[in-house]
Protein backbone atom coordinates (compact mmCIF):
# COMPACT_ATOMS: atom_id res chain seq x y z
CA UNK A 1 -5.70 -47.52 13.49
CA UNK A 2 -5.94 -50.05 10.67
CA UNK A 3 -4.56 -52.84 12.88
CA UNK A 4 -7.11 -52.10 15.60
CA UNK A 5 -10.00 -52.23 13.15
CA UNK A 6 -8.82 -55.54 11.72
CA UNK A 7 -8.29 -57.07 15.17
CA UNK A 8 -11.75 -55.96 16.33
CA UNK A 9 -13.39 -57.32 13.21
CA UNK A 10 -11.57 -60.65 13.55
CA UNK A 11 -12.65 -61.03 17.16
CA UNK A 12 -16.26 -60.31 16.30
CA UNK A 13 -16.30 -62.90 13.54
CA UNK A 14 -14.68 -65.55 15.67
CA UNK A 15 -17.19 -65.01 18.49
CA UNK A 16 -20.09 -65.02 16.05
CA UNK A 17 -19.00 -68.23 14.38
CA UNK A 18 -18.42 -70.00 17.66
CA UNK A 19 -21.83 -68.96 18.97
CA UNK A 20 -23.56 -70.32 15.87
CA UNK A 21 -21.71 -73.60 15.97
CA UNK A 22 -20.18 -73.04 12.57
CA UNK A 23 -16.97 -74.70 11.49
CA UNK A 24 -14.04 -72.55 12.53
CA UNK A 25 -12.07 -70.88 9.74
CA UNK A 26 -8.35 -70.56 10.40
CA UNK A 27 -7.63 -67.24 12.04
CA UNK A 28 -4.90 -66.29 9.60
CA UNK A 29 -7.26 -66.73 6.65
CA UNK A 30 -9.95 -64.62 8.31
CA UNK A 31 -7.45 -61.86 9.03
CA UNK A 32 -6.21 -61.95 5.44
CA UNK A 33 -9.75 -61.65 4.07
CA UNK A 34 -10.62 -58.75 6.40
CA UNK A 35 -7.40 -56.98 5.58
CA UNK A 36 -8.11 -57.22 1.86
CA UNK A 37 -11.66 -55.90 2.33
CA UNK A 38 -10.47 -53.05 4.59
CA UNK A 39 -7.79 -51.91 2.20
CA UNK A 40 -10.29 -51.94 -0.65
CA UNK A 41 -12.48 -49.38 1.12
CA UNK A 42 -12.20 -45.81 -0.24
CA UNK A 43 -10.13 -43.57 1.95
CA UNK A 44 -11.07 -39.95 2.70
CA UNK A 45 -9.10 -37.55 0.62
CA UNK A 46 -7.27 -34.84 2.62
CA UNK A 47 -8.94 -31.45 2.64
CA UNK A 48 -7.49 -29.25 -0.10
CA UNK A 49 -5.24 -26.52 1.20
CA UNK A 50 -6.93 -23.16 0.83
CA UNK A 51 -4.87 -20.56 -0.92
CA UNK A 52 -4.16 -17.43 1.06
CA UNK A 53 -6.55 -14.65 0.09
CA UNK A 54 -5.08 -12.29 -2.45
CA UNK A 55 -5.09 -8.56 -1.87
CA UNK A 56 -8.29 -7.07 -3.16
CA UNK A 57 -8.05 -4.91 -6.21
CA UNK A 58 -8.45 -1.22 -5.61
CA UNK A 59 -12.15 -0.47 -6.06
CA UNK A 60 -13.34 2.09 -8.50
CA UNK A 61 -14.56 5.39 -7.13
CA UNK A 62 -17.38 6.50 -9.46
CA UNK A 63 -16.72 10.12 -8.58
CA UNK A 64 -13.31 9.89 -10.26
CA UNK A 65 -14.32 8.14 -13.48
CA UNK A 66 -12.98 9.74 -16.62
CA UNK A 67 -10.45 11.86 -14.76
CA UNK A 68 -7.85 13.20 -17.19
CA UNK A 69 -5.56 16.10 -16.44
CA UNK A 70 -5.59 19.06 -18.80
CA UNK A 71 -1.81 18.73 -18.57
CA UNK A 72 -1.77 15.04 -19.51
CA UNK A 73 1.40 14.06 -21.35
CA UNK A 74 3.20 17.26 -20.36
CA UNK A 75 6.25 17.71 -18.15
CA UNK A 76 5.02 20.03 -15.42
CA UNK A 77 7.27 21.62 -12.79
CA UNK A 78 6.53 23.75 -9.74
CA UNK A 79 9.26 25.99 -8.36
CA UNK A 80 8.66 26.99 -4.74
CA UNK A 81 10.80 30.01 -3.82
CA UNK A 82 11.17 30.13 -0.03
CA UNK A 83 12.38 33.37 1.54
CA UNK A 84 15.83 33.07 3.16
CA UNK A 85 16.20 29.45 2.03
CA UNK A 86 16.08 29.11 -1.75
CA UNK A 87 14.10 27.18 -4.34
CA UNK A 88 12.49 23.76 -4.27
CA UNK A 89 11.70 22.35 -7.72
CA UNK A 90 9.03 19.66 -7.90
CA UNK A 91 8.16 17.55 -10.94
CA UNK A 92 4.41 17.02 -10.95
CA UNK A 93 2.69 13.86 -12.27
CA UNK A 94 -0.53 14.84 -14.07
CA UNK A 95 -1.13 11.37 -15.49
CA UNK A 96 -0.89 9.70 -12.08
CA UNK A 97 -2.84 12.24 -10.01
CA UNK A 98 -4.73 14.40 -12.54
CA UNK A 99 -7.26 15.96 -10.18
CA UNK A 100 -4.61 16.84 -7.62
CA UNK A 101 -2.13 18.26 -10.13
CA UNK A 102 -4.76 20.36 -11.91
CA UNK A 103 -5.91 21.80 -8.59
CA UNK A 104 -2.36 22.64 -7.49
CA UNK A 105 -1.43 24.16 -10.86
CA UNK A 106 -4.59 26.27 -10.97
CA UNK A 107 -3.94 27.63 -7.48
CA UNK A 108 -0.27 28.33 -8.21
CA UNK A 109 -0.97 30.05 -11.53
CA UNK A 110 -3.60 32.23 -9.88
CA UNK A 111 -0.98 33.43 -7.35
CA UNK A 112 -2.79 31.77 -4.46
CA UNK A 113 0.37 30.45 -2.80
CA UNK A 114 2.45 33.61 -3.09
CA UNK A 115 3.18 34.93 0.39
CA UNK A 116 1.80 31.90 2.23
CA UNK A 117 3.91 29.91 4.68
CA UNK A 118 5.03 26.50 5.82
CA UNK A 119 3.12 26.36 9.08
CA UNK A 120 3.77 22.74 10.14
CA UNK A 121 7.28 21.29 10.25
CA UNK A 122 8.22 17.95 11.77
CA UNK A 123 11.55 16.18 11.74
CA UNK A 124 11.41 12.69 10.17
CA UNK A 125 8.09 13.56 8.55
CA UNK A 126 7.41 16.64 6.46
CA UNK A 127 7.11 20.38 5.93
CA UNK A 128 3.53 21.48 5.28
CA UNK A 129 2.19 24.72 3.85
CA UNK A 130 -0.44 26.34 1.67
CA UNK A 131 -2.87 27.47 4.37
CA UNK A 132 -3.93 31.13 4.06
CA UNK A 133 -4.54 31.30 7.82
CA UNK A 134 -1.19 29.79 8.80
CA UNK A 135 -2.97 27.65 11.39
CA UNK A 136 -3.48 24.36 9.56
CA UNK A 137 -7.24 24.91 9.52
CA UNK A 138 -7.61 26.92 6.32
CA UNK A 139 -7.61 26.29 2.59
CA UNK A 140 -8.92 27.49 -0.73
CA UNK A 141 -12.60 27.79 -1.58
CA UNK A 142 -12.83 24.27 -3.01
CA UNK A 143 -11.99 20.72 -1.97
CA UNK A 144 -11.03 17.88 -4.31
CA UNK A 145 -11.42 14.12 -4.58
CA UNK A 146 -8.64 12.29 -2.76
CA UNK A 147 -6.62 10.30 -5.28
CA UNK A 148 -5.40 7.40 -3.15
CA UNK A 149 -6.24 3.73 -2.62
CA UNK A 150 -8.28 4.12 0.58
CA UNK A 151 -10.57 6.37 -1.44
CA UNK A 152 -10.96 3.86 -4.26
CA UNK A 153 -8.49 5.49 -6.64
CA UNK A 154 -5.13 3.97 -7.62
CA UNK A 155 -2.05 6.12 -7.08
CA UNK A 156 1.36 4.62 -7.82
CA UNK A 157 3.47 7.47 -6.43
CA UNK A 158 5.05 6.27 -3.21
CA UNK A 159 5.87 8.54 -0.30
CA UNK A 160 9.63 8.88 0.13
CA UNK A 161 11.90 11.79 0.94
CA UNK A 162 11.05 14.58 -1.53
CA UNK A 163 7.52 13.43 -2.36
CA UNK A 164 4.90 16.19 -2.48
CA UNK A 165 1.43 15.20 -1.32
CA UNK A 166 -1.85 16.79 -0.30
CA UNK A 167 -2.81 17.48 3.30
CA UNK A 168 -6.36 16.71 4.43
CA UNK A 169 -8.28 16.19 7.63
CA UNK A 170 -8.24 12.72 9.10
CA UNK A 171 -11.93 11.84 8.68
CA UNK A 172 -12.81 13.01 5.14
CA UNK A 173 -11.00 11.50 2.16
CA UNK A 174 -12.21 14.33 -0.07
CA UNK A 175 -11.20 17.25 2.15
CA UNK A 176 -7.90 18.25 0.45
CA UNK A 177 -7.89 21.84 -0.72
CA UNK A 178 -4.71 23.90 -0.91
CA UNK A 179 -2.50 22.52 1.85
CA UNK A 180 0.36 20.31 0.70
CA UNK A 181 3.38 18.72 2.33
CA UNK A 182 6.83 17.58 1.23
CA UNK A 183 8.32 14.52 2.93
CA UNK A 184 11.71 15.23 4.54
CA UNK A 185 12.64 11.61 5.33
CA UNK A 186 12.27 8.05 4.10
CA UNK A 187 11.35 6.93 7.64
CA UNK A 188 9.27 8.38 10.43
CA UNK A 189 10.61 8.98 13.93
CA UNK A 190 9.87 5.37 14.88
CA UNK A 191 11.88 4.00 11.97
CA UNK A 192 8.83 2.92 9.97
CA UNK A 193 9.23 3.40 6.19
CA UNK A 194 7.20 6.37 5.04
CA UNK A 195 5.28 4.36 2.40
CA UNK A 196 3.81 2.21 5.19
CA UNK A 197 2.64 5.34 6.96
CA UNK A 198 1.28 7.40 4.07
CA UNK A 199 0.79 5.36 0.89
CA UNK A 200 -2.86 4.68 0.13
CA UNK A 201 -4.01 7.38 2.55
CA UNK A 202 -2.75 10.61 0.99
CA UNK A 203 -2.63 11.89 -2.57
CA UNK A 204 1.00 12.08 -3.65
CA UNK A 205 1.40 14.02 -6.90
CA UNK A 206 5.09 14.60 -7.60
CA UNK A 207 8.67 14.55 -6.35
CA UNK A 208 11.43 17.08 -5.65
CA UNK A 209 14.02 17.09 -8.44
CA UNK A 210 16.10 19.99 -7.15
CA UNK A 211 16.44 21.77 -3.81
CA UNK A 212 15.95 18.93 -1.34
CA UNK A 213 18.65 20.64 0.72
CA UNK A 214 16.21 23.53 1.16
CA UNK A 215 13.69 21.11 2.67
CA UNK A 216 16.42 19.80 4.97
CA UNK A 217 17.46 23.30 6.04
CA UNK A 218 13.89 24.35 6.81
CA UNK A 219 13.41 21.19 8.86
CA UNK A 220 16.64 21.64 10.80
CA UNK A 221 15.91 25.28 11.62
CA UNK A 222 12.20 25.18 12.33
CA UNK A 223 11.19 21.74 13.59
CA UNK A 224 12.60 22.49 17.08
CA UNK A 225 10.26 25.49 17.29
CA UNK A 226 7.01 23.52 17.16
CA UNK A 227 4.71 24.33 20.05
CA UNK A 228 1.69 22.03 19.84
CA UNK A 229 3.14 18.52 19.60
CA UNK A 230 1.93 18.29 16.02
CA UNK A 231 4.52 20.34 14.19
CA UNK A 232 2.77 23.70 14.51
CA UNK A 233 5.19 26.62 14.20
CA UNK A 234 4.53 30.10 15.63
CA UNK A 235 3.33 32.37 12.85
CA UNK A 236 6.28 34.74 13.10
CA UNK A 237 8.68 31.81 12.59
CA UNK A 238 6.94 30.23 9.63
CA UNK A 239 9.05 30.19 6.41
CA UNK A 240 7.40 32.27 3.69
CA UNK A 241 6.84 31.14 0.11
CA UNK A 242 7.69 34.14 -2.02
CA UNK A 243 6.10 32.42 -4.98
CA UNK A 244 5.11 29.11 -6.54
CA UNK A 245 5.75 29.17 -10.29
CA UNK A 246 4.58 26.58 -12.83
CA UNK A 247 6.64 25.81 -15.93
CA UNK A 248 6.27 23.28 -18.73
CA UNK A 249 8.94 21.15 -20.34
CA UNK A 250 11.77 22.50 -18.18
CA UNK A 251 12.43 24.58 -15.06
């Protein structure tokens, strides 16, 4: 490019000088002068490389400001006694998901869960319960704010095998009530890690610390019985929760 510019400029000068009858300047001197002038011109700086956009910070949900669990700083455990299967012990995280933990504890301590069932059971996904109707359409009398990133609230509990999390409908972030699920795998049936499927979209609030084999047994026995393509189990086959008991400091 530079050579072409210099050559063109040299030709123009030579033609111009000849036409005007001026004394000819040696071609090599003209080329040297043009080259020096050309190289002295400022060159365009390359466009700066734009940094890749960073992930946006989780926005603040005003509805959740000042949320502090009444069990903050405590070790809180839920023991789910399942008829014919045994006990599942879950360590709850009141400082990570205070609204969710307080709601679950209040329901459990009121006896709400006693006698309810796990109505939805899917291999490589979860066991879900806590619906008084056993249909997946019921709940308690109140709904709570969804504590997860898509709802503007940070939640650092990741969904892995043994994580307990709140069920909700798919179009309302604040529709969780009493239904909860326990993950029975680290991957879904397509081999996708569970965090990629659920993190940021559902309010995880604890993890199983004892009795994961009970979750496995329920899944093995009942998942094949689903009838609706979405894990729904016939009512008569739904495992029953004898009780959900809350303890503090130990279990």
